Structures are given as structure tokens and as C-alpha cells.
């Protein structure tokens, strides 16, 4: 009888331990962000309102963040710090070292962790590669470019004069990893680190930076003074999507007649590796009428561009000279993005289950695109993806009340906070508390049918 009681007690204790662990792992994680007031670095007089720009996240992100419940006015309780400054906007190009100097003048918080808990929005074409300053080497960049190497270093070379292997990104990076002096390897850019050593500098640092969606197409861009509004200037459809605007919804049909659509510059004669060669390769293989159902244009199409997005099953999502906005352009119009950009991470690729509403095809498999897409259609996966997109588009949209991209970023930061070791915590205790989960493999859980997001024990209704 005593043995039975002991077994019962052990089982009961184990249950309590399991429940306690689950509560510890899945309890909601609070998040507080302190915003530095840096009006000197916003260049209102020089650039005016930039929300409609393709680089408009400089302005839109702080507006959305300030309207959220994550902001604290007490820096001592902050988990993270945000620099409210326009850093890249093409007509500003503010020196980031000067911004950091002003941040340091406002208090000791930057120095406490060497900037590791400080956040900057960088909309530059090549991301961090345009900001090698050692003052921000450990900071978190919210940027659109997800490539580790600078793309333009691989552009426009004559292979009759140079060996092609020197322009193979994978070969170059692999050699740099094993070299005694990686800075001597061609196309590896280096910068001085905080210890004065020259080390390879990445354009995007995985699991430190976050590749975020651009703010393109969310605000009407029909003003004459709208700089870098390439897609939307004088085109009302550019900022109207079928999920929000009845006039756009009327153009979207359930029977999409085009299988794969793309329109945009290819730079055939100037930059052979523009868009990492994806646009050119696809056009050469399937464009110009070679493949039925494949509408692949070598230039823009004006207003017809937006209409074709809403009448196509799949849309090619590539980069240009850095990051690209075609993933979002297609997604928010119900067109399944087909990502083709080797070596470059897509927006929120680390955070969201993109496989549920997008496809990624490596360049070496481009020739199999028709078979791949046909299988997605015949198996019913494409139809399911389009249903998922009815919820997922909000995760790539910033402006309120419909945008939930901020929640994706906040969730990523919560997950990082939950995965930190507590002061004095042993490695074993940390693994026990967190369930041993590796941060880099976590994805935010999305229930597409209910349109909810679960993050660190909290369920967020994406429809509200």
C-alpha cells in the first residue's frame, strides 16, 4: 500500500512539475520599449512626409510603435530601445555615429549592453552593408535586405576576363570561412570591430537583425513630390488591395487565368546578375510566349500591373539590386509569391511559416518551375494557400487598423527575451525553464482559419 502511495505521489509530483514547466515556458511575456526622441534626425524640412515612399518604413514604423501598448517612458524598465530617426532615406543619409552619440548623451542605456538591445530601422538597399560603423555592430537592425553579402559586388563582370568562380556567392563565403585572412578574399567586405580588428562585415546578421516587410503600397503615392514612389505614382490601384477596397475586390476573380506573372525591369544589358539573375532566367526559359499561362514582362505595365496581380495564381518574387517589394505586392492581392533569390532571406522568413502561403524555388531548380507550380495547383495546395493569404497579408502590412507586421516584430523580440538566461541561472536550469528550444528554429504559430497568432503564451486576434 505504501509503495502504491509513493507511486501515486511521484506521478502527482511529476504532473505538477510538468504543469509548472509548461506555465513557465508558455506564460505570456511582457515587452517594453523606450523610444529616444531624436527630432534633429528626422529631416522634415528636407524631405517632408515620406510615408508613401518605397522607403517609408523610416516614418511609418515609429508611428505604429508609438500607438502600441509596448511603449514605456521609463528607460529603466525597458527591454529594448528604439532610435526614432530617419537613417537611410535617400535624401537624408544621416550619419549613424552622430545619432548614437546623441543617444549616449541621453543616458547610460546604450553602453550597458554595447547597443545589443537597441533597435534601428534601416531601409537601405543593401541593409547593414551601408552602415559598417562599429558603434552599431551589435545593434538590432530592422531592414528589408536579407542577404549576407553585398549584391552589387557580383554585378556586371565579363566572364571572358574573370573566372566565374570568383562571383559564386557560396564559394566566396565558404572560402572566407576557412581563410586565415578572410578580408583578403575578393568580394568580402570588412570593417573594424570594437576591438580594432578588421573582420568580415555582413549586410544582414541572422538572429540579430530582423528582415521586415517594406511599407510600400500602403499609402496613396500620387503626389508630384513623392520621391522613390516607383510603383504607385499617379496610379490609384497601387495602394488599393482587394481585402480592403471594393473597387480592387471587383477585379479579383476566383478563376485566375494566369499561372505565373511578373513585370519589371531586368537590366539585361547593364547588370547580368540584377535580381540575382532570377528574372532574366525565368524570362529566357518561359517568357515571350514560350510557356502558356506564363505572363513574364521585361518592363513595367502601368495600371495593368496591379490588375494582373489579382488575376494570377502565382507571382514571381525577386530582388532588384538589394531587397524587393514584389513579394508583398503579390501577397496583398491574393497572388501566391514564388520567391527566387538565392542567398537572400525574404521578409519575415525566420519568423513566420511562409511555407503555408508562399513558395521558395532555388535558382538551380528554376527549370522545374512548371512542374512545381502544376503540382501545387493539382494537389490543392495552391487553393489552400490562397485561403491562408486572406489572413496572412495582415502580417506583412504596417498601417493601422489592419496591419499586424508590428506584432510579428514584437513577437520576435518577446521570443528573444524569453530565451535569455536569467541572472545567475545555470545552463541546465535555463534549458529546463525554456524546454531547451533553440531560438533560431522557432516560428510564430499562426492559425490561418481563425486568423490568430500565438506568441509566448498570448493569442492575438489578427482581425481586430
Protein backbone atom coordinates (compact mmCIF):
# COMPACT_ATOMS: atom_id res chain seq x y z
CA UNK A 1 0.00 0.00 0.00
CA UNK A 2 2.84 2.38 0.88
CA UNK A 3 4.51 1.56 -2.43
CA UNK A 4 1.29 2.42 -4.25
CA UNK A 5 1.02 5.69 -2.32
CA UNK A 6 4.62 6.52 -3.24
CA UNK A 7 3.98 5.80 -6.92
CA UNK A 8 0.83 7.90 -6.80
CA UNK A 9 2.74 10.74 -5.15
CA UNK A 10 5.56 10.57 -7.68
CA UNK A 11 3.06 10.65 -10.53
CA UNK A 12 1.26 13.59 -8.94
CA UNK A 13 4.52 15.45 -8.35
CA UNK A 14 5.60 14.80 -11.94
CA UNK A 15 2.31 16.20 -13.16
CA UNK A 16 2.75 19.32 -11.05
CA UNK A 17 6.32 19.71 -12.34
CA UNK A 18 5.14 19.34 -15.96
CA UNK A 19 2.35 21.87 -15.46
CA UNK A 20 4.76 24.28 -13.80
CA UNK A 21 7.24 23.93 -16.65
CA UNK A 22 4.53 24.48 -19.24
CA UNK A 23 3.33 27.57 -17.41
CA UNK A 24 6.91 28.83 -17.26
CA UNK A 25 7.54 28.20 -20.95
CA UNK A 26 4.22 29.38 -22.31
CA UNK A 27 3.30 32.20 -19.93
CA UNK A 28 2.77 35.49 -21.75
CA UNK A 29 5.94 37.55 -21.98
CA UNK A 30 5.61 41.29 -21.47
CA UNK A 31 7.66 43.67 -23.58
CA UNK A 32 8.55 47.30 -23.02
CA UNK A 33 10.34 49.57 -25.50
CA UNK A 34 11.73 53.00 -24.75
CA UNK A 35 11.78 55.45 -27.67
CA UNK A 36 14.52 58.03 -27.94
CA UNK A 37 13.25 61.44 -29.01
CA UNK A 38 15.61 62.48 -31.82
CA UNK A 39 13.85 65.27 -33.77
CA UNK A 40 17.14 66.57 -35.14
CA UNK A 41 17.50 63.40 -37.21
CA UNK A 42 14.14 63.34 -38.97
CA UNK A 43 14.76 65.89 -41.75
CA UNK A 44 11.19 67.09 -42.09
CA UNK A 45 12.23 70.28 -43.85
CA UNK A 46 14.46 68.41 -46.29
CA UNK A 47 12.13 65.60 -47.30
CA UNK A 48 8.62 66.23 -46.00
CA UNK A 49 6.26 63.30 -45.48
CA UNK A 50 7.86 60.08 -46.71
CA UNK A 51 5.20 57.53 -45.77
CA UNK A 52 4.27 56.92 -49.42
CA UNK A 53 7.88 56.27 -50.40
CA UNK A 54 9.16 52.79 -51.10
CA UNK A 55 11.50 53.53 -48.18
CA UNK A 56 8.67 54.81 -45.98
CA UNK A 57 9.21 52.48 -43.03
CA UNK A 58 11.57 55.12 -41.62
CA UNK A 59 8.48 57.13 -40.78
CA UNK A 60 5.72 54.53 -40.56
CA UNK A 61 7.39 52.22 -38.00
CA UNK A 62 7.75 54.82 -35.22
CA UNK A 63 4.18 55.99 -35.81
CA UNK A 64 2.83 52.45 -35.45
CA UNK A 65 5.08 51.68 -32.47
CA UNK A 66 4.04 54.83 -30.59
CA UNK A 67 0.37 53.87 -30.97
CA UNK A 68 1.01 50.40 -29.49
CA UNK A 69 0.93 49.21 -25.86
CA UNK A 70 4.62 48.28 -25.98
CA UNK A 71 6.00 51.77 -25.30
CA UNK A 72 7.34 52.81 -21.91
CA UNK A 73 8.52 56.26 -20.84
CA UNK A 74 10.74 54.71 -18.17
CA UNK A 75 14.04 53.55 -19.68
CA UNK A 76 14.90 51.60 -16.53
CA UNK A 77 12.06 49.13 -17.19
CA UNK A 78 12.68 48.87 -20.94
CA UNK A 79 13.61 45.58 -22.57
CA UNK A 80 14.63 47.31 -25.80
CA UNK A 81 15.33 50.84 -27.02
CA UNK A 82 14.28 52.33 -30.35
CA UNK A 83 16.08 55.15 -32.15
CA UNK A 84 13.37 57.33 -33.70
CA UNK A 85 15.47 58.69 -36.55
CA UNK A 86 15.42 58.58 -40.34
CA UNK A 87 18.71 56.91 -41.04
CA UNK A 88 18.70 55.87 -44.68
CA UNK A 89 16.02 57.86 -46.54
CA UNK A 90 17.92 58.63 -49.79
CA UNK A 91 17.81 62.37 -49.33
CA UNK A 92 18.83 62.28 -45.68
CA UNK A 93 21.61 59.70 -45.19
CA UNK A 94 22.10 60.67 -41.57
CA UNK A 95 25.47 59.69 -40.05
CA UNK A 96 24.66 56.85 -37.68
CA UNK A 97 27.65 57.55 -35.42
CA UNK A 98 26.25 61.03 -34.71
CA UNK A 99 22.86 59.53 -33.88
CA UNK A 100 24.49 57.06 -31.49
CA UNK A 101 26.41 59.93 -29.87
CA UNK A 102 23.15 61.75 -29.18
CA UNK A 103 21.59 58.56 -27.81
CA UNK A 104 24.54 58.18 -25.42
CA UNK A 105 24.11 61.78 -24.30
CA UNK A 106 20.57 60.97 -23.13
CA UNK A 107 21.59 58.27 -20.66
CA UNK A 108 23.71 55.18 -19.94
CA UNK A 109 21.45 52.63 -21.58
CA UNK A 110 23.31 52.18 -24.88
CA UNK A 111 26.60 51.50 -23.11
CA UNK A 112 25.12 48.92 -20.73
CA UNK A 113 24.95 46.20 -23.37
CA UNK A 114 27.00 47.75 -26.14
CA UNK A 115 23.85 48.55 -28.11
CA UNK A 116 22.64 44.94 -28.20
CA UNK A 117 19.17 45.95 -27.02
CA UNK A 118 18.91 48.97 -29.33
CA UNK A 119 16.81 48.94 -32.48
CA UNK A 120 17.30 50.91 -35.70
CA UNK A 121 15.15 50.91 -38.84
CA UNK A 122 17.37 50.63 -41.94
CA UNK A 123 15.64 50.71 -45.34
CA UNK A 124 18.89 50.77 -47.34
CA UNK A 125 19.06 48.65 -50.49
CA UNK A 126 21.95 46.60 -49.09
CA UNK A 127 20.98 46.86 -45.43
CA UNK A 128 23.81 46.83 -42.91
CA UNK A 129 26.44 46.93 -45.67
CA UNK A 130 25.73 50.64 -45.98
CA UNK A 131 26.34 51.09 -42.24
CA UNK A 132 29.59 49.42 -41.25
CA UNK A 133 30.14 51.74 -38.26
CA UNK A 134 31.41 49.73 -35.31
CA UNK A 135 29.17 51.68 -32.92
CA UNK A 136 26.16 49.67 -34.15
CA UNK A 137 27.81 46.29 -34.82
CA UNK A 138 25.79 44.68 -32.04
CA UNK A 139 22.55 46.63 -32.51
CA UNK A 140 19.36 45.17 -33.97
CA UNK A 141 18.58 46.39 -37.49
CA UNK A 142 15.04 46.13 -38.81
CA UNK A 143 15.83 46.04 -42.51
CA UNK A 144 14.41 44.86 -45.81
CA UNK A 145 17.59 43.27 -47.19
CA UNK A 146 18.22 39.69 -46.08
CA UNK A 147 21.49 38.96 -47.88
CA UNK A 148 24.76 38.48 -46.03
CA UNK A 149 26.97 39.61 -48.94
CA UNK A 150 26.78 42.91 -50.80
CA UNK A 151 24.92 42.13 -54.04
CA UNK A 152 26.49 44.80 -56.24
CA UNK A 153 29.93 43.26 -55.71
CA UNK A 154 28.79 40.48 -58.04
CA UNK A 155 27.35 42.67 -60.82
CA UNK A 156 28.35 43.26 -64.41
CA UNK A 157 31.56 41.29 -64.85
CA UNK A 158 32.84 39.93 -68.15
CA UNK A 159 33.48 36.21 -67.77
CA UNK A 160 35.91 36.28 -70.67
CA UNK A 161 38.19 38.32 -68.41
CA UNK A 162 37.48 36.89 -64.95
CA UNK A 163 36.97 33.35 -63.69
CA UNK A 164 33.31 32.74 -62.87
CA UNK A 165 34.03 31.05 -59.56
CA UNK A 166 35.09 34.37 -58.06
CA UNK A 167 31.50 35.57 -58.45
CA UNK A 168 29.86 32.49 -56.94
CA UNK A 169 28.47 33.71 -53.60
CA UNK A 170 28.53 30.31 -51.92
CA UNK A 171 32.10 29.57 -52.99
CA UNK A 172 33.28 33.01 -51.89
CA UNK A 173 31.66 32.76 -48.47
CA UNK A 174 32.89 29.19 -47.91
CA UNK A 175 36.46 30.21 -48.72
CA UNK A 176 36.21 33.19 -46.38
CA UNK A 177 35.06 30.94 -43.52
CA UNK A 178 38.23 28.86 -43.78
CA UNK A 179 40.75 31.55 -44.72
CA UNK A 180 43.35 32.79 -42.25
CA UNK A 181 42.67 36.28 -43.55
CA UNK A 182 39.07 36.36 -44.80
CA UNK A 183 39.41 40.06 -45.61
CA UNK A 184 41.81 39.11 -48.41
CA UNK A 185 39.10 37.14 -50.24
CA UNK A 186 37.58 39.07 -53.19
CA UNK A 187 34.07 40.45 -52.54
CA UNK A 188 34.31 40.00 -48.77
CA UNK A 189 33.79 43.43 -47.23
CA UNK A 190 35.45 44.07 -43.90
CA UNK A 191 35.14 46.67 -41.19
CA UNK A 192 36.85 47.44 -37.92
CA UNK A 193 35.21 45.79 -34.91
CA UNK A 194 35.00 47.14 -31.37
CA UNK A 195 38.47 45.69 -30.64
CA UNK A 196 40.08 47.43 -33.61
CA UNK A 197 40.36 44.26 -35.70
CA UNK A 198 39.30 44.12 -39.34
CA UNK A 199 36.69 41.40 -39.70
CA UNK A 200 34.12 40.42 -42.35
CA UNK A 201 31.05 42.63 -42.20
CA UNK A 202 27.70 41.13 -43.15
CA UNK A 203 24.87 43.05 -44.79
CA UNK A 204 22.41 41.07 -42.66
CA UNK A 205 23.31 39.31 -39.41
CA UNK A 206 20.94 36.35 -38.90
CA UNK A 207 19.20 36.14 -35.50
CA UNK A 208 20.41 39.63 -34.65
CA UNK A 209 18.72 41.68 -37.35
CA UNK A 210 15.12 41.12 -38.47
CA UNK A 211 14.20 41.16 -42.17
CA UNK A 212 10.91 43.05 -42.21
CA UNK A 213 8.28 43.86 -44.80
CA UNK A 214 8.58 47.18 -46.64
CA UNK A 215 5.88 49.82 -46.19
CA UNK A 216 5.24 50.01 -49.94
CA UNK A 217 1.69 50.22 -51.33
CA UNK A 218 0.03 51.12 -48.03
CA UNK A 219 -0.34 54.88 -48.54
CA UNK A 220 -1.52 56.59 -51.77
CA UNK A 221 1.50 57.88 -53.68
CA UNK A 222 0.01 60.18 -56.29
CA UNK A 223 1.78 63.37 -55.23
CA UNK A 224 4.23 65.08 -57.57
CA UNK A 225 6.80 65.36 -54.79
CA UNK A 226 6.75 61.68 -53.91
CA UNK A 227 10.35 60.55 -54.28
CA UNK A 228 11.06 56.86 -54.81
CA UNK A 229 7.37 56.03 -55.29
CA UNK A 230 8.21 53.93 -58.33
CA UNK A 231 5.18 51.67 -58.22
CA UNK A 232 2.41 53.95 -57.06
CA UNK A 233 2.89 57.40 -58.52
CA UNK A 234 -0.25 58.53 -60.37
CA UNK A 235 -1.74 55.06 -60.01
CA UNK A 236 -4.65 54.71 -57.61
CA UNK A 237 -4.62 50.90 -57.76
CA UNK A 238 -1.13 50.76 -56.24
CA UNK A 239 -2.45 51.41 -52.74
CA UNK A 240 -5.76 49.58 -53.11
CA UNK A 241 -5.95 45.92 -52.25
CA UNK A 242 -8.93 43.56 -52.61
CA UNK A 243 -9.12 42.81 -48.90
CA UNK A 244 -9.77 46.47 -48.05
CA UNK A 245 -11.11 48.18 -51.17
CA UNK A 246 -14.29 47.07 -53.00
CA UNK A 247 -13.09 48.52 -56.32
CA UNK A 248 -10.00 46.30 -56.15
CA UNK A 249 -12.00 43.31 -54.94
CA UNK A 250 -14.16 43.60 -58.06
CA UNK A 251 -11.05 42.99 -60.17
CA UNK A 252 -10.01 39.84 -58.30
CA UNK A 253 -11.53 36.67 -59.67
CA UNK A 254 -11.57 33.17 -58.21
CA UNK A 255 -10.76 31.81 -61.66
CA UNK A 256 -7.28 33.26 -62.09
CA UNK A 257 -6.31 32.89 -65.74
CA UNK A 258 -2.53 33.44 -65.45
CA UNK A 259 -0.41 30.76 -63.77
CA UNK A 260 2.73 32.83 -63.17
CA UNK A 261 3.05 36.59 -63.53
CA UNK A 262 5.93 39.05 -63.41
CA UNK A 263 6.53 42.54 -64.74
CA UNK A 264 9.53 44.71 -64.03
CA UNK A 265 12.98 45.76 -65.15
CA UNK A 266 15.54 43.07 -65.91
CA UNK A 267 18.58 45.24 -66.70
CA UNK A 268 19.63 42.67 -69.29
CA UNK A 269 22.41 44.75 -70.77
CA UNK A 270 23.60 46.60 -67.67
CA UNK A 271 23.62 44.11 -64.79
CA UNK A 272 23.66 40.40 -65.68
CA UNK A 273 23.04 39.40 -62.07
CA UNK A 274 20.36 42.03 -61.35
CA UNK A 275 17.75 40.23 -59.19
CA UNK A 276 20.46 37.53 -58.84
CA UNK A 277 19.58 36.59 -62.41
CA UNK A 278 16.16 35.19 -61.48
CA UNK A 279 14.04 37.48 -63.64
CA UNK A 280 16.27 37.02 -66.68
CA UNK A 281 16.43 33.24 -66.28
CA UNK A 282 12.66 32.87 -65.98
CA UNK A 283 12.00 35.12 -68.97
CA UNK A 284 14.55 33.30 -71.13
CA UNK A 285 13.02 29.93 -70.27
CA UNK A 286 9.31 30.67 -70.06
CA UNK A 287 8.71 34.24 -71.23
CA UNK A 288 7.91 35.76 -74.63
CA UNK A 289 5.11 33.27 -75.20
CA UNK A 290 7.24 30.16 -74.65
CA UNK A 291 5.03 28.79 -71.87
CA UNK A 292 1.25 29.01 -71.91
CA UNK A 293 -0.14 30.72 -68.83
CA UNK A 294 3.18 32.41 -68.01
CA UNK A 295 2.99 36.21 -68.34
CA UNK A 296 6.54 37.46 -67.78
CA UNK A 297 7.17 41.06 -68.85
CA UNK A 298 10.58 42.70 -69.11
CA UNK A 299 9.32 46.12 -68.03
CA UNK A 300 6.52 47.71 -66.03
CA UNK A 301 2.90 47.59 -67.17
CA UNK A 302 1.35 50.67 -65.56
CA UNK A 303 -2.17 50.14 -64.22
CA UNK A 304 -2.33 46.70 -65.83
CA UNK A 305 0.38 45.55 -63.42
CA UNK A 306 -1.99 45.66 -60.46
CA UNK A 307 -4.82 44.03 -62.39
CA UNK A 308 -2.59 41.14 -63.43
CA UNK A 309 -1.54 40.53 -59.84
CA UNK A 310 -5.20 39.97 -59.00
CA UNK A 311 -5.81 37.61 -61.91
CA UNK A 312 -2.74 35.37 -61.43
CA UNK A 313 -2.29 32.27 -59.27
CA UNK A 314 1.43 32.79 -58.66
CA UNK A 315 3.64 35.89 -58.81
CA UNK A 316 7.41 35.86 -59.15
CA UNK A 317 9.02 37.49 -56.10
CA UNK A 318 12.62 38.52 -56.71
CA UNK A 319 15.05 41.19 -55.60
CA UNK A 320 16.44 44.07 -57.63
CA UNK A 321 19.84 45.42 -56.61
CA UNK A 322 19.06 44.70 -52.98
CA UNK A 323 15.69 43.98 -51.43
CA UNK A 324 12.49 43.62 -53.41
CA UNK A 325 8.85 44.55 -52.84
CA UNK A 326 7.21 42.10 -55.25
CA UNK A 327 6.56 39.52 -52.55
CA UNK A 328 4.31 41.97 -50.77
CA UNK A 329 2.81 43.39 -53.98
CA UNK A 330 1.50 39.96 -54.92
CA UNK A 331 0.65 38.69 -51.45
CA UNK A 332 -1.71 41.53 -50.55
CA UNK A 333 -3.59 40.88 -53.79
CA UNK A 334 -4.12 37.18 -53.23
CA UNK A 335 -1.32 36.08 -55.56
CA UNK A 336 0.93 33.35 -54.14
CA UNK A 337 4.54 34.64 -54.09
CA UNK A 338 7.16 32.45 -55.75
CA UNK A 339 10.40 33.52 -54.09
CA UNK A 340 13.51 33.14 -56.21
CA UNK A 341 16.52 34.92 -54.72
CA UNK A 342 19.40 32.64 -53.77
CA UNK A 343 21.39 33.72 -50.74
CA UNK A 344 18.88 36.35 -49.64
CA UNK A 345 16.26 35.87 -46.94
CA UNK A 346 12.75 37.06 -47.57
CA UNK A 347 10.85 39.37 -45.24
CA UNK A 348 9.90 37.54 -42.02
CA UNK A 349 11.31 34.27 -43.38
CA UNK A 350 12.81 33.45 -39.98
CA UNK A 351 9.72 34.43 -38.01
CA UNK A 352 6.65 33.29 -39.96
CA UNK A 353 5.56 29.95 -41.52
CA UNK A 354 5.91 31.25 -45.10
CA UNK A 355 5.58 27.71 -46.41
CA UNK A 356 1.84 27.95 -45.71
CA UNK A 357 1.30 30.80 -48.17
CA UNK A 358 4.39 31.16 -50.36
CA UNK A 359 6.83 29.01 -52.35
CA UNK A 360 10.61 29.30 -52.49
CA UNK A 361 12.39 27.83 -55.52
CA UNK A 362 16.22 27.68 -55.56
CA UNK A 363 17.80 29.03 -58.72
CA UNK A 364 19.14 25.63 -59.74
CA UNK A 365 15.55 24.34 -59.82
CA UNK A 366 14.16 27.19 -61.93
CA UNK A 367 13.84 24.92 -64.96
CA UNK A 368 11.36 22.77 -62.99
CA UNK A 369 9.08 25.69 -62.14
CA UNK A 370 6.15 24.49 -64.35
CA UNK A 371 6.15 21.03 -62.75
CA UNK A 372 6.41 22.52 -59.25
CA UNK A 373 3.58 25.00 -59.73
CA UNK A 374 1.38 22.47 -61.53
CA UNK A 375 1.74 20.12 -58.55
CA UNK A 376 0.73 22.86 -56.12
CA UNK A 377 -2.38 23.50 -58.20
CA UNK A 378 -3.39 19.87 -58.82
CA UNK A 379 -2.81 18.84 -55.20
CA UNK A 380 -5.00 21.62 -53.85
CA UNK A 381 -2.09 23.28 -52.03
CA UNK A 382 -2.40 26.45 -54.08
CA UNK A 383 -6.09 26.81 -53.23
CA UNK A 384 -5.30 26.35 -49.53
CA UNK A 385 -2.50 28.91 -49.73
CA UNK A 386 -4.87 31.46 -51.24
CA UNK A 387 -7.25 30.85 -48.35
CA UNK A 388 -4.37 31.35 -45.90
CA UNK A 389 -3.39 34.60 -47.61
CA UNK A 390 -6.76 36.07 -46.63
CA UNK A 391 -5.31 36.16 -43.13
CA UNK A 392 -1.55 36.24 -43.80
CA UNK A 393 -1.46 39.53 -45.73
CA UNK A 394 -2.03 41.40 -42.47
CA UNK A 395 1.25 40.05 -41.12
CA UNK A 396 3.10 41.96 -43.87
CA UNK A 397 1.07 45.18 -43.51
CA UNK A 398 2.09 48.00 -41.17
CA UNK A 399 -0.56 50.70 -41.09
CA UNK A 400 -3.48 50.52 -38.70
CA UNK A 401 -6.06 49.24 -38.06
CA UNK A 402 -5.42 46.22 -40.29
CA UNK A 403 -1.64 45.86 -40.17
CA UNK A 404 -0.06 43.30 -37.85
CA UNK A 405 3.57 43.47 -39.01
CA UNK A 406 4.45 45.26 -35.78
CA UNK A 407 3.09 42.29 -33.82
CA UNK A 408 5.43 40.00 -35.77
CA UNK A 409 8.42 42.12 -34.78
CA UNK A 410 7.26 42.39 -31.18
CA UNK A 411 6.76 38.62 -31.02
CA UNK A 412 10.28 38.03 -32.33
CA UNK A 413 11.61 40.30 -29.58
CA UNK A 414 9.47 38.56 -26.94
CA UNK A 415 10.88 35.21 -28.02
CA UNK A 416 14.40 36.57 -27.67
CA UNK A 417 13.59 37.93 -24.23
CA UNK A 418 12.10 34.60 -23.13
CA UNK A 419 15.21 32.78 -24.37
CA UNK A 420 17.66 34.88 -22.37
CA UNK A 421 19.38 33.35 -19.38
CA UNK A 422 18.32 34.95 -16.11
CA UNK A 423 20.99 36.47 -13.83
CA UNK A 424 22.78 33.64 -12.03
CA UNK A 425 20.90 30.97 -13.98
CA UNK A 426 22.82 27.82 -14.87
CA UNK A 427 22.77 26.37 -18.36
CA UNK A 428 20.84 23.32 -17.12
CA UNK A 429 18.23 25.48 -15.37
CA UNK A 430 17.86 27.60 -18.49
CA UNK A 431 17.23 24.54 -20.67
CA UNK A 432 14.73 23.21 -18.14
CA UNK A 433 12.84 26.52 -17.97
CA UNK A 434 12.66 27.07 -21.72
CA UNK A 435 12.22 23.46 -22.76
CA UNK A 436 15.62 23.57 -24.46
CA UNK A 437 14.12 25.26 -27.50
CA UNK A 438 16.69 26.74 -29.92
CA UNK A 439 15.70 30.33 -30.70
CA UNK A 440 16.84 30.22 -34.31
CA UNK A 441 14.41 27.42 -35.21
CA UNK A 442 11.28 28.92 -33.72
CA UNK A 443 8.41 30.10 -35.88
CA UNK A 444 5.44 32.14 -34.75
CA UNK A 445 2.34 29.95 -34.71
CA UNK A 446 -0.47 31.16 -36.96
CA UNK A 447 -3.97 29.68 -37.05
CA UNK A 448 -4.98 30.80 -40.53
CA UNK A 449 -8.57 29.61 -40.23
CA UNK A 450 -9.20 31.53 -37.01
CA UNK A 451 -6.71 34.21 -38.10
CA UNK A 452 -4.88 34.30 -34.79
CA UNK A 453 -1.23 34.45 -33.80
CA UNK A 454 0.16 32.73 -30.71
CA UNK A 455 3.29 34.19 -29.18
CA UNK A 456 4.82 33.22 -25.85
CA UNK A 457 1.53 32.19 -24.27
CA UNK A 458 -0.56 35.02 -25.72
CA UNK A 459 -3.08 34.59 -28.53
CA UNK A 460 -3.61 37.65 -30.70
CA UNK A 461 -6.68 38.05 -32.90
CA UNK A 462 -5.32 39.35 -36.21
CA UNK A 463 -8.76 40.52 -37.32
CA UNK A 464 -9.03 43.09 -34.54
